N, C-alpha and C. Protein backbone atom coordinates (compact mmCIF):
# COMPACT_ATOMS: atom_id res chain seq x y z
N MET A 1 -27.02 29.41 -20.50
CA MET A 1 -26.62 29.02 -20.93
C MET A 1 -26.52 28.30 -19.73
N VAL A 2 -26.16 27.32 -18.82
CA VAL A 2 -26.13 25.74 -18.14
C VAL A 2 -25.19 26.29 -17.66
N GLY A 3 -24.90 25.74 -15.49
CA GLY A 3 -23.35 26.07 -15.91
C GLY A 3 -23.36 27.13 -15.24
N ALA A 4 -23.10 28.25 -15.72
CA ALA A 4 -22.88 29.10 -16.08
C ALA A 4 -22.42 30.80 -14.37
N GLY A 5 -22.71 29.84 -13.41
CA GLY A 5 -22.91 29.90 -11.99
C GLY A 5 -24.61 30.64 -12.04
N ASP A 6 -25.45 30.21 -12.26
CA ASP A 6 -26.66 30.97 -12.09
C ASP A 6 -27.28 29.50 -11.36
N GLY A 7 -26.58 28.59 -10.72
CA GLY A 7 -27.82 27.48 -10.15
C GLY A 7 -28.04 26.90 -11.17
N THR A 8 -28.50 27.58 -12.55
CA THR A 8 -28.73 26.02 -13.70
C THR A 8 -28.40 24.58 -13.22
N ARG A 9 -27.13 24.49 -13.13
CA ARG A 9 -26.31 22.98 -13.18
C ARG A 9 -26.63 22.77 -12.32
N ASP A 10 -26.20 22.85 -11.17
CA ASP A 10 -26.99 21.90 -10.09
C ASP A 10 -28.52 21.42 -9.92
N ARG A 11 -29.72 22.14 -10.49
CA ARG A 11 -30.41 22.80 -10.68
C ARG A 11 -30.92 20.23 -11.32
N ASP A 12 -30.71 21.13 -12.61
CA ASP A 12 -30.40 20.05 -13.25
C ASP A 12 -30.08 18.48 -12.27
N LEU A 13 -28.96 18.69 -12.35
CA LEU A 13 -27.94 17.49 -11.45
C LEU A 13 -29.25 16.96 -10.47
N ARG A 14 -29.87 18.11 -10.08
CA ARG A 14 -30.64 16.92 -8.56
C ARG A 14 -31.65 16.62 -9.52
N LEU A 15 -32.39 16.76 -10.73
CA LEU A 15 -34.03 16.62 -11.43
C LEU A 15 -33.05 15.37 -12.01
N ASN A 16 -31.65 15.01 -12.21
CA ASN A 16 -31.62 14.12 -12.08
C ASN A 16 -31.44 12.66 -12.00
N ILE A 17 -31.98 12.99 -10.36
CA ILE A 17 -32.04 11.71 -9.02
C ILE A 17 -33.41 11.57 -8.32
N PRO A 18 -33.99 11.34 -8.39
CA PRO A 18 -35.41 11.14 -7.70
C PRO A 18 -34.93 11.90 -5.91
N GLU A 19 -35.65 12.22 -5.95
CA GLU A 19 -35.71 13.11 -4.06
C GLU A 19 -35.55 11.90 -3.49
N ARG A 20 -35.91 10.93 -2.84
CA ARG A 20 -35.47 10.12 -2.33
C ARG A 20 -34.90 9.15 -2.54
N GLY A 21 -34.34 9.14 -3.31
CA GLY A 21 -32.93 8.74 -3.73
C GLY A 21 -31.41 9.04 -3.10
N VAL A 22 -31.59 9.97 -3.16
CA VAL A 22 -31.13 11.43 -2.50
C VAL A 22 -30.40 10.73 -1.61
N PRO A 23 -30.82 10.19 -0.21
CA PRO A 23 -30.27 9.93 1.09
C PRO A 23 -29.59 8.83 0.49
N ASP A 24 -30.18 8.42 0.68
CA ASP A 24 -29.95 6.86 -0.44
C ASP A 24 -27.92 6.90 -1.30
N GLU A 25 -28.16 7.01 -1.96
CA GLU A 25 -26.98 7.58 -2.54
C GLU A 25 -25.68 8.53 -2.24
N LEU A 26 -26.07 9.70 -0.95
CA LEU A 26 -24.88 9.98 -0.23
C LEU A 26 -24.51 8.76 0.83
N GLU A 27 -25.57 7.94 1.60
CA GLU A 27 -24.52 7.12 2.02
C GLU A 27 -23.70 6.02 1.81
N ARG A 28 -24.41 5.42 0.79
CA ARG A 28 -23.87 4.88 0.20
C ARG A 28 -22.18 4.95 -0.74
N LEU A 29 -22.18 6.33 -1.24
CA LEU A 29 -21.42 7.62 -1.33
C LEU A 29 -20.05 6.95 0.20
N ARG A 30 -20.68 8.03 0.82
CA ARG A 30 -20.28 8.18 2.49
C ARG A 30 -19.08 7.33 2.65
N ALA A 31 -20.20 5.32 2.80
CA ALA A 31 -19.23 3.98 3.11
C ALA A 31 -18.77 3.91 1.65
N LEU A 32 -18.25 4.15 0.73
CA LEU A 32 -17.32 3.74 -0.52
C LEU A 32 -16.04 4.85 -0.12
N VAL A 33 -16.54 5.74 0.14
CA VAL A 33 -15.22 6.68 0.93
C VAL A 33 -14.67 5.98 2.03
N ALA A 34 -15.27 5.48 3.07
CA ALA A 34 -14.42 5.33 4.33
C ALA A 34 -13.74 3.99 3.89
N HIS A 35 -14.38 3.31 2.83
CA HIS A 35 -14.43 1.90 2.87
C HIS A 35 -12.44 2.46 2.23
N VAL A 36 -13.02 3.18 0.58
CA VAL A 36 -11.22 3.90 -0.12
C VAL A 36 -10.38 4.60 1.05
N GLU A 37 -10.69 5.01 2.29
CA GLU A 37 -9.97 5.67 3.13
C GLU A 37 -8.88 4.41 3.59
N ARG A 38 -10.26 3.07 4.32
CA ARG A 38 -8.96 1.76 4.83
C ARG A 38 -8.02 1.68 4.31
N MET A 39 -8.38 1.16 3.35
CA MET A 39 -7.29 0.77 1.97
C MET A 39 -6.24 1.41 1.62
N LEU A 40 -6.41 3.05 1.80
CA LEU A 40 -4.94 3.71 1.81
C LEU A 40 -4.59 3.57 3.12
N LEU A 41 -4.74 3.48 4.31
CA LEU A 41 -4.39 3.62 5.58
C LEU A 41 -3.55 1.83 5.20
N THR A 42 -4.42 0.59 4.81
CA THR A 42 -3.69 -0.47 4.76
C THR A 42 -2.87 -0.78 3.56
N LEU A 43 -3.38 -0.29 3.05
CA LEU A 43 -1.98 -0.90 1.77
C LEU A 43 -0.91 -0.70 1.72
N PRO A 44 -0.58 0.25 1.59
CA PRO A 44 0.77 0.64 2.16
C PRO A 44 1.99 -1.30 3.08
N VAL A 45 1.44 -1.71 4.39
CA VAL A 45 1.36 -2.09 4.69
C VAL A 45 1.52 -4.02 4.09
N ILE A 46 0.44 -3.79 3.64
CA ILE A 46 0.42 -5.17 2.55
C ILE A 46 1.19 -5.27 1.54
N GLU A 47 1.87 -4.46 1.09
CA GLU A 47 2.70 -4.10 -0.43
C GLU A 47 3.90 -4.35 0.13
N GLN A 48 4.01 -3.83 1.94
CA GLN A 48 5.64 -4.75 1.87
C GLN A 48 5.91 -5.64 2.43
N ALA A 49 4.08 -6.56 2.69
CA ALA A 49 4.18 -7.89 3.00
C ALA A 49 4.42 -9.18 1.95
N LYS A 50 3.92 -8.17 1.67
CA LYS A 50 4.48 -8.53 -0.83
C LYS A 50 5.71 -8.76 -0.96
N GLY A 51 6.35 -7.33 -0.64
CA GLY A 51 7.66 -7.53 -0.77
C GLY A 51 8.27 -8.49 0.62
N VAL A 52 8.53 -9.16 0.99
CA VAL A 52 9.29 -9.74 2.23
C VAL A 52 9.01 -10.56 1.63
N LEU A 53 7.87 -11.18 0.78
CA LEU A 53 8.05 -12.76 0.58
C LEU A 53 8.23 -12.27 -0.51
N VAL A 54 8.11 -12.30 -1.71
CA VAL A 54 8.65 -11.60 -3.48
C VAL A 54 10.65 -11.94 -2.70
N ALA A 55 10.68 -10.99 -1.86
CA ALA A 55 12.29 -10.79 -1.89
C ALA A 55 13.02 -12.12 -1.30
N THR A 56 12.04 -13.15 -0.07
CA THR A 56 13.02 -13.74 0.61
C THR A 56 12.40 -15.45 0.44
N GLN A 57 11.36 -15.49 -0.57
CA GLN A 57 10.84 -17.33 -1.10
C GLN A 57 10.57 -17.13 -2.13
N GLY A 58 10.91 -15.99 -3.25
CA GLY A 58 10.92 -15.84 -4.50
C GLY A 58 9.53 -15.71 -5.08
N TYR A 59 8.23 -15.38 -4.71
CA TYR A 59 7.14 -15.72 -5.22
C TYR A 59 7.25 -14.05 -6.07
N HIS A 60 6.00 -14.80 -6.58
CA HIS A 60 5.76 -13.55 -8.33
C HIS A 60 4.85 -12.38 -6.53
N PRO A 61 4.46 -11.20 -7.51
CA PRO A 61 4.08 -10.45 -6.41
C PRO A 61 2.19 -10.46 -6.23
N GLU A 62 1.44 -11.54 -7.01
CA GLU A 62 0.42 -12.01 -7.42
C GLU A 62 0.39 -13.08 -5.89
N GLU A 63 1.42 -13.88 -6.50
CA GLU A 63 1.16 -15.55 -5.07
C GLU A 63 1.77 -14.82 -3.50
N ALA A 64 2.65 -13.76 -3.56
CA ALA A 64 2.43 -12.86 -1.86
C ALA A 64 1.25 -12.55 -1.38
N PHE A 65 0.55 -12.32 -2.57
CA PHE A 65 -0.55 -11.94 -2.20
C PHE A 65 -1.45 -12.57 -1.91
N ASP A 66 -2.06 -13.71 -2.75
CA ASP A 66 -2.35 -14.87 -2.86
C ASP A 66 -1.68 -15.71 -1.04
N VAL A 67 -0.48 -15.65 -1.41
CA VAL A 67 -0.15 -16.54 0.13
C VAL A 67 -1.08 -15.40 1.29
N LEU A 68 -1.34 -14.30 1.06
CA LEU A 68 -1.09 -13.18 2.16
C LEU A 68 -2.79 -13.72 3.03
N ALA A 69 -3.33 -14.11 1.29
CA ALA A 69 -4.65 -13.86 1.19
C ALA A 69 -4.77 -15.34 2.05
N ARG A 70 -4.61 -16.26 1.71
CA ARG A 70 -4.73 -17.88 2.53
C ARG A 70 -4.33 -17.94 3.81
N ALA A 71 -3.70 -16.67 3.69
CA ALA A 71 -3.53 -16.88 6.06
C ALA A 71 -4.48 -16.03 6.64
N SER A 72 -4.87 -14.71 5.12
CA SER A 72 -5.81 -13.89 6.36
C SER A 72 -7.01 -15.06 6.86
N GLN A 73 -7.78 -15.83 5.55
CA GLN A 73 -8.71 -17.12 5.51
C GLN A 73 -8.46 -18.37 6.77
N ARG A 74 -7.18 -18.36 6.98
CA ARG A 74 -7.03 -19.38 7.90
C ARG A 74 -7.35 -19.04 9.20
N LEU A 75 -6.62 -18.14 9.50
CA LEU A 75 -6.62 -17.38 10.52
C LEU A 75 -7.83 -16.90 10.98
N ASN A 76 -8.28 -16.62 10.15
CA ASN A 76 -9.10 -15.82 10.81
C ASN A 76 -9.37 -14.23 10.86
N VAL A 77 -8.20 -13.96 10.14
CA VAL A 77 -7.69 -12.37 10.29
C VAL A 77 -7.72 -11.50 9.43
N PRO A 78 -8.66 -9.84 10.24
CA PRO A 78 -8.16 -9.40 8.51
C PRO A 78 -6.09 -9.35 8.12
N LEU A 79 -6.34 -9.65 6.37
CA LEU A 79 -5.57 -8.98 5.60
C LEU A 79 -4.35 -8.51 5.99
N ARG A 80 -4.81 -6.90 6.89
CA ARG A 80 -3.86 -6.35 6.78
C ARG A 80 -3.68 -6.22 7.88
N ASP A 81 -3.42 -7.14 9.22
CA ASP A 81 -2.97 -7.46 10.71
C ASP A 81 -2.45 -8.60 10.37
N VAL A 82 -2.20 -9.85 8.79
CA VAL A 82 -1.50 -10.68 8.94
C VAL A 82 -0.45 -10.58 7.87
N ALA A 83 -0.63 -8.95 7.42
CA ALA A 83 0.46 -8.61 6.44
C ALA A 83 1.23 -7.48 7.60
N ARG A 84 0.47 -7.41 9.16
CA ARG A 84 1.19 -5.88 10.08
C ARG A 84 1.93 -6.78 10.72
N ARG A 85 1.79 -8.05 10.99
CA ARG A 85 2.22 -9.18 11.50
C ARG A 85 3.56 -9.37 11.02
N LEU A 86 3.40 -9.56 9.81
CA LEU A 86 5.15 -9.88 9.05
C LEU A 86 6.00 -9.40 8.22
N VAL A 87 5.63 -7.62 8.61
CA VAL A 87 6.25 -7.25 8.45
C VAL A 87 6.84 -6.72 9.94
N ASP A 88 6.12 -6.69 11.55
CA ASP A 88 6.99 -6.25 12.56
C ASP A 88 7.98 -7.66 12.35
N SER A 89 7.44 -8.70 12.02
CA SER A 89 8.18 -9.88 12.91
C SER A 89 9.64 -9.53 11.38
N CYS A 90 9.18 -8.61 10.68
CA CYS A 90 10.75 -8.98 9.50
C CYS A 90 11.87 -7.25 10.52
N GLN A 91 10.94 -6.55 10.53
CA GLN A 91 11.18 -5.37 11.38
C GLN A 91 12.65 -5.72 12.31
N LYS A 92 11.73 -6.64 13.03
CA LYS A 92 12.81 -6.64 14.83
C LYS A 92 13.70 -7.94 14.38
N GLN A 93 13.41 -8.27 14.00
CA GLN A 93 14.70 -9.57 13.16
C GLN A 93 16.01 -8.76 12.23
N ALA A 94 15.62 -7.67 11.57
CA ALA A 94 16.45 -6.92 10.48
C ALA A 94 17.32 -5.66 11.63
N ARG A 95 16.36 -6.00 12.83
CA ARG A 95 17.65 -4.90 13.58
C ARG A 95 18.57 -5.44 14.52
N ASP A 96 18.65 -6.60 14.27
CA ASP A 96 19.82 -7.49 14.83
C ASP A 96 20.62 -7.70 12.86
N GLU A 97 20.97 -6.90 12.60
CA GLU A 97 22.01 -7.36 10.71
C GLU A 97 22.39 -9.27 11.57
N ALA A 98 22.50 -9.36 12.42
CA ALA A 98 22.92 -10.95 11.83
C ALA A 98 22.40 -12.05 11.91
N THR A 99 20.96 -12.14 11.85
CA THR A 99 19.71 -12.96 11.75
C THR A 99 19.78 -13.12 10.22
N LEU A 100 19.79 -12.23 9.13
CA LEU A 100 18.97 -11.65 8.10
C LEU A 100 19.84 -13.04 7.49
N PRO A 101 18.82 -13.34 6.93
CA PRO A 101 19.93 -14.48 5.48
C PRO A 101 21.20 -14.10 4.55
N HIS A 102 21.95 -14.56 4.43
CA HIS A 102 23.21 -14.12 3.71
C HIS A 102 22.31 -13.64 2.30
N PRO A 103 21.99 -14.64 1.61
CA PRO A 103 21.68 -13.22 0.85
C PRO A 103 20.62 -12.21 0.60
N THR A 104 20.19 -12.08 1.88
CA THR A 104 19.20 -10.73 2.08
C THR A 104 20.46 -9.43 2.32
N ARG A 105 21.06 -9.92 3.03
CA ARG A 105 22.16 -9.50 3.78
C ARG A 105 22.83 -9.44 2.60
N ARG A 106 23.48 -9.22 1.71
CA ARG A 106 24.52 -9.01 0.71
C ARG A 106 23.06 -7.81 -0.53
N ALA A 107 21.87 -8.19 -0.17
CA ALA A 107 20.82 -7.49 -1.07
C ALA A 107 20.63 -6.15 -0.73
N VAL A 108 20.70 -6.39 0.62
CA VAL A 108 20.77 -4.84 1.38
C VAL A 108 22.30 -4.07 1.57
N ASP A 109 23.41 -4.96 1.57
CA ASP A 109 24.07 -4.23 1.73
C ASP A 109 24.51 -3.29 0.00
N ASP A 110 24.31 -4.32 -0.62
CA ASP A 110 23.89 -3.92 -2.24
C ASP A 110 23.46 -2.66 -2.41
N VAL A 111 22.33 -2.69 -1.86
CA VAL A 111 21.28 -1.50 -1.76
C VAL A 111 21.96 -0.43 -1.93
N ASP A 112 22.45 -0.56 -0.05
CA ASP A 112 22.96 1.20 0.95
C ASP A 112 24.36 0.90 -0.11
N ARG A 113 25.39 0.09 -0.55
CA ARG A 113 26.20 0.62 -1.16
C ARG A 113 25.47 1.60 -2.62
N MET A 114 24.55 2.04 -3.17
CA MET A 114 24.11 1.91 -4.09
C MET A 114 23.74 2.88 -3.88
N VAL A 115 23.37 3.50 -3.09
CA VAL A 115 22.96 5.26 -2.13
C VAL A 115 23.58 5.70 -2.20
N ASN A 116 24.92 5.16 -1.27
CA ASN A 116 25.82 5.51 -1.00
C ASN A 116 26.25 6.79 -1.21
N GLU A 117 27.34 5.19 -2.25
CA GLU A 117 28.34 5.60 -2.75
C GLU A 117 27.98 5.98 -4.43
N PRO A 118 28.94 6.79 -4.74
CA PRO A 118 28.63 8.20 -6.18
C PRO A 118 28.76 7.15 -7.04
N ALA A 119 28.13 6.39 -8.61
CA ALA A 119 28.10 6.36 -9.87
C ALA A 119 29.58 6.29 -10.81
N GLU A 120 30.27 5.55 -11.08
CA GLU A 120 31.63 5.86 -11.66
C GLU A 120 32.24 7.02 -12.69
N ASP A 121 30.17 7.46 -13.10
CA ASP A 121 30.08 8.77 -14.18
C ASP A 121 29.40 9.83 -13.61
N GLU A 122 29.47 9.79 -12.07
CA GLU A 122 29.00 10.77 -10.96
C GLU A 122 30.58 11.29 -10.38
N ALA A 123 30.20 12.43 -10.17
CA ALA A 123 30.98 13.25 -9.34
C ALA A 123 30.66 12.85 -8.09
N PRO A 124 31.73 13.22 -6.80
CA PRO A 124 31.86 12.19 -6.00
C PRO A 124 30.82 14.24 -4.83
N PRO A 125 29.84 13.63 -4.00
CA PRO A 125 29.18 14.76 -3.65
C PRO A 125 29.90 15.58 -3.06
N PRO A 126 29.70 17.26 -2.99
CA PRO A 126 30.73 18.36 -2.39
C PRO A 126 30.74 17.68 -1.20
N PHE A 127 31.87 19.46 -0.61
CA PHE A 127 32.01 18.78 0.96
C PHE A 127 31.77 17.26 2.10
N GLU A 128 32.94 16.13 1.20
CA GLU A 128 32.62 15.43 1.62
C GLU A 128 33.99 15.54 2.85
């Protein structure tokens, strides 16, 4: 029985890759893992920046990404850095609630109410 813990399955897999190809394949996979790790670290800030553009400029998410990508190319700066600058700028402005444009302030207030107020058919939380 192949793969029954006797090492047969491992030997079969090794036979499918020429010996000289193993180090190359291993290096390719390491590079791929490093790339995916970098993407996972930068994806949240890019998504946040897209959200800012969608909420404030009315872009579709794909359009927002295109705007960020064009800015990245024009400035010759990595996309993650463009996104970080936008998000940081918005966070700085948001600290002073008066700087938010009226529709954005209203949207933020609406979300805050939805989170903090019970729904009509919902009992109030205990111990209030």
